[in-house]
């Protein structure tokens, strides 16, 4: 019988009882054109909003310009509209580009800062 390889979880137990510590803080995903980058980012934003189990979570969507970040918000808002479960739990505020959870968690599109639009962005 072959040995089974242990795969570490993305969230693991911390030293304190009943607490969880995030195992990964950043990641790198590369996708070719027209392969669903906006959908993937919208899923991650909604997961961090409702599936992560954190009350009053703050999830921000930022890009090199606000219109591009708004595209991801539009996909996330459409996902909420299509899901009966998410529609009961989340409130979409179109004019403010926000999605609010019943646990006071919020997904918000923010405008880029001057350093992000200057072409000298190191990491975003």
Foldseek 3Di string as FASTA:
>chain_A
DDDDDDDDDQWDDDPDPPDIDGPDDDDDDDDDPPPQPLVVVLVVQVCQQPVPPDFQAEAEFEDLFLVVSLSSLVNNVVVCVVDPVSVVAWDADNVQSWIAGPSNHMYGYDGDDPCSNPPNDDDD
